[in-house]
Amino acid sequence: MFAYATAGDPGSLPFGLDMAGLQTGALAYAGLSGLVFVIIWVVGYLRR
């Protein structure tokens, strides 16, 4: 099974990442991509 009880369960992640760093990176990526999507949508709406 691929379920973990805690964030410390996975022993080793690739590229020397830890679970906290991976979570922070994923949240930052999701936030920035969402912001860029909204900016592009607003610019397209205003240029119409």
N, C-alpha and C. Protein backbone atom coordinates (compact mmCIF):
# COMPACT_ATOMS: atom_id res chain seq x y z
N MET A 1 0.84 -1.18 0.00
CA MET A 1 0.00 0.00 0.00
C MET A 1 0.89 1.24 0.00
N PHE A 2 0.39 2.32 -0.59
CA PHE A 2 1.14 3.55 -0.68
C PHE A 2 0.64 4.61 0.30
N ALA A 3 0.07 4.19 1.41
CA ALA A 3 -0.45 5.13 2.40
C ALA A 3 0.59 5.37 3.48
N TYR A 4 0.68 6.59 3.93
CA TYR A 4 1.60 6.97 5.01
C TYR A 4 0.79 7.50 6.18
N ALA A 5 1.20 7.16 7.37
CA ALA A 5 0.49 7.64 8.56
C ALA A 5 0.94 9.05 8.94
N THR A 6 2.23 9.33 8.76
CA THR A 6 2.76 10.65 9.10
C THR A 6 3.64 11.14 7.96
N ALA A 7 4.00 12.42 8.00
CA ALA A 7 4.85 12.99 6.96
C ALA A 7 6.28 12.43 7.03
N GLY A 8 6.67 11.86 8.15
CA GLY A 8 8.01 11.31 8.27
C GLY A 8 8.13 9.87 7.80
N ASP A 9 7.04 9.25 7.38
CA ASP A 9 7.07 7.85 6.98
C ASP A 9 7.94 7.55 5.76
N PRO A 10 7.84 8.33 4.67
CA PRO A 10 8.69 7.97 3.54
C PRO A 10 10.16 8.14 3.91
N GLY A 11 10.90 7.07 3.77
CA GLY A 11 12.29 7.09 4.21
C GLY A 11 13.19 8.00 3.40
N SER A 12 13.15 7.87 2.09
CA SER A 12 14.03 8.71 1.26
C SER A 12 13.28 9.10 0.00
N LEU A 13 13.29 10.37 -0.27
CA LEU A 13 12.68 10.89 -1.49
C LEU A 13 13.80 11.23 -2.46
N PRO A 14 13.53 11.24 -3.75
CA PRO A 14 14.59 11.54 -4.72
C PRO A 14 15.09 12.97 -4.61
N PHE A 15 16.29 13.19 -5.05
CA PHE A 15 16.94 14.51 -5.12
C PHE A 15 17.14 15.14 -3.75
N GLY A 16 17.15 14.36 -2.70
CA GLY A 16 17.40 14.88 -1.36
C GLY A 16 16.28 15.72 -0.79
N LEU A 17 15.07 15.58 -1.32
CA LEU A 17 13.93 16.35 -0.83
C LEU A 17 13.38 15.72 0.45
N ASP A 18 12.81 16.53 1.29
CA ASP A 18 12.05 16.01 2.42
C ASP A 18 10.57 16.35 2.19
N MET A 19 9.72 15.76 3.00
CA MET A 19 8.29 15.92 2.77
C MET A 19 7.84 17.37 2.96
N ALA A 20 8.40 18.08 3.91
CA ALA A 20 8.03 19.48 4.14
C ALA A 20 8.42 20.35 2.95
N GLY A 21 9.60 20.12 2.42
CA GLY A 21 10.04 20.89 1.25
C GLY A 21 9.22 20.59 0.02
N LEU A 22 8.85 19.33 -0.13
CA LEU A 22 8.01 18.95 -1.26
C LEU A 22 6.63 19.58 -1.15
N GLN A 23 6.07 19.61 0.05
CA GLN A 23 4.76 20.23 0.26
C GLN A 23 4.83 21.73 0.01
N THR A 24 5.86 22.38 0.50
CA THR A 24 6.01 23.81 0.29
C THR A 24 6.16 24.13 -1.19
N GLY A 25 6.94 23.34 -1.90
CA GLY A 25 7.12 23.56 -3.33
C GLY A 25 5.83 23.35 -4.11
N ALA A 26 5.07 22.33 -3.74
CA ALA A 26 3.81 22.05 -4.43
C ALA A 26 2.80 23.17 -4.18
N LEU A 27 2.73 23.67 -2.95
CA LEU A 27 1.80 24.77 -2.65
C LEU A 27 2.22 26.06 -3.34
N ALA A 28 3.51 26.33 -3.41
CA ALA A 28 4.00 27.52 -4.10
C ALA A 28 3.70 27.43 -5.60
N TYR A 29 3.92 26.25 -6.19
CA TYR A 29 3.62 26.06 -7.60
C TYR A 29 2.13 26.23 -7.88
N ALA A 30 1.29 25.65 -7.05
CA ALA A 30 -0.16 25.76 -7.25
C ALA A 30 -0.61 27.22 -7.11
N GLY A 31 -0.08 27.92 -6.12
CA GLY A 31 -0.45 29.32 -5.92
C GLY A 31 -0.02 30.21 -7.07
N LEU A 32 1.22 30.03 -7.54
CA LEU A 32 1.72 30.86 -8.63
C LEU A 32 1.01 30.54 -9.94
N SER A 33 0.76 29.27 -10.22
CA SER A 33 0.07 28.94 -11.46
C SER A 33 -1.37 29.44 -11.44
N GLY A 34 -2.02 29.40 -10.29
CA GLY A 34 -3.36 29.95 -10.18
C GLY A 34 -3.38 31.45 -10.37
N LEU A 35 -2.39 32.12 -9.81
CA LEU A 35 -2.29 33.58 -9.96
C LEU A 35 -2.06 33.96 -11.42
N VAL A 36 -1.18 33.24 -12.09
CA VAL A 36 -0.91 33.52 -13.50
C VAL A 36 -2.17 33.26 -14.34
N PHE A 37 -2.91 32.20 -14.01
CA PHE A 37 -4.15 31.93 -14.73
C PHE A 37 -5.13 33.09 -14.59
N VAL A 38 -5.29 33.59 -13.40
CA VAL A 38 -6.22 34.70 -13.17
C VAL A 38 -5.75 35.96 -13.89
N ILE A 39 -4.46 36.23 -13.86
CA ILE A 39 -3.93 37.42 -14.54
C ILE A 39 -4.17 37.33 -16.04
N ILE A 40 -3.90 36.16 -16.63
CA ILE A 40 -4.12 35.99 -18.07
C ILE A 40 -5.61 36.12 -18.40
N TRP A 41 -6.46 35.57 -17.56
CA TRP A 41 -7.90 35.66 -17.79
C TRP A 41 -8.36 37.11 -17.74
N VAL A 42 -7.90 37.88 -16.75
CA VAL A 42 -8.30 39.28 -16.60
C VAL A 42 -7.78 40.11 -17.78
N VAL A 43 -6.53 39.89 -18.18
CA VAL A 43 -5.99 40.64 -19.31
C VAL A 43 -6.77 40.33 -20.58
N GLY A 44 -7.11 39.06 -20.80
CA GLY A 44 -7.90 38.70 -21.97
C GLY A 44 -9.29 39.32 -21.93
N TYR A 45 -9.88 39.39 -20.75
CA TYR A 45 -11.21 39.99 -20.61
C TYR A 45 -11.15 41.50 -20.90
N LEU A 46 -10.11 42.18 -20.41
CA LEU A 46 -10.00 43.62 -20.60
C LEU A 46 -9.67 43.98 -22.05
N ARG A 47 -8.97 43.11 -22.76
CA ARG A 47 -8.62 43.41 -24.14
C ARG A 47 -9.76 43.14 -25.10
N ARG A 48 -10.81 42.49 -24.63
CA ARG A 48 -11.94 42.16 -25.48
C ARG A 48 -12.75 43.35 -25.82
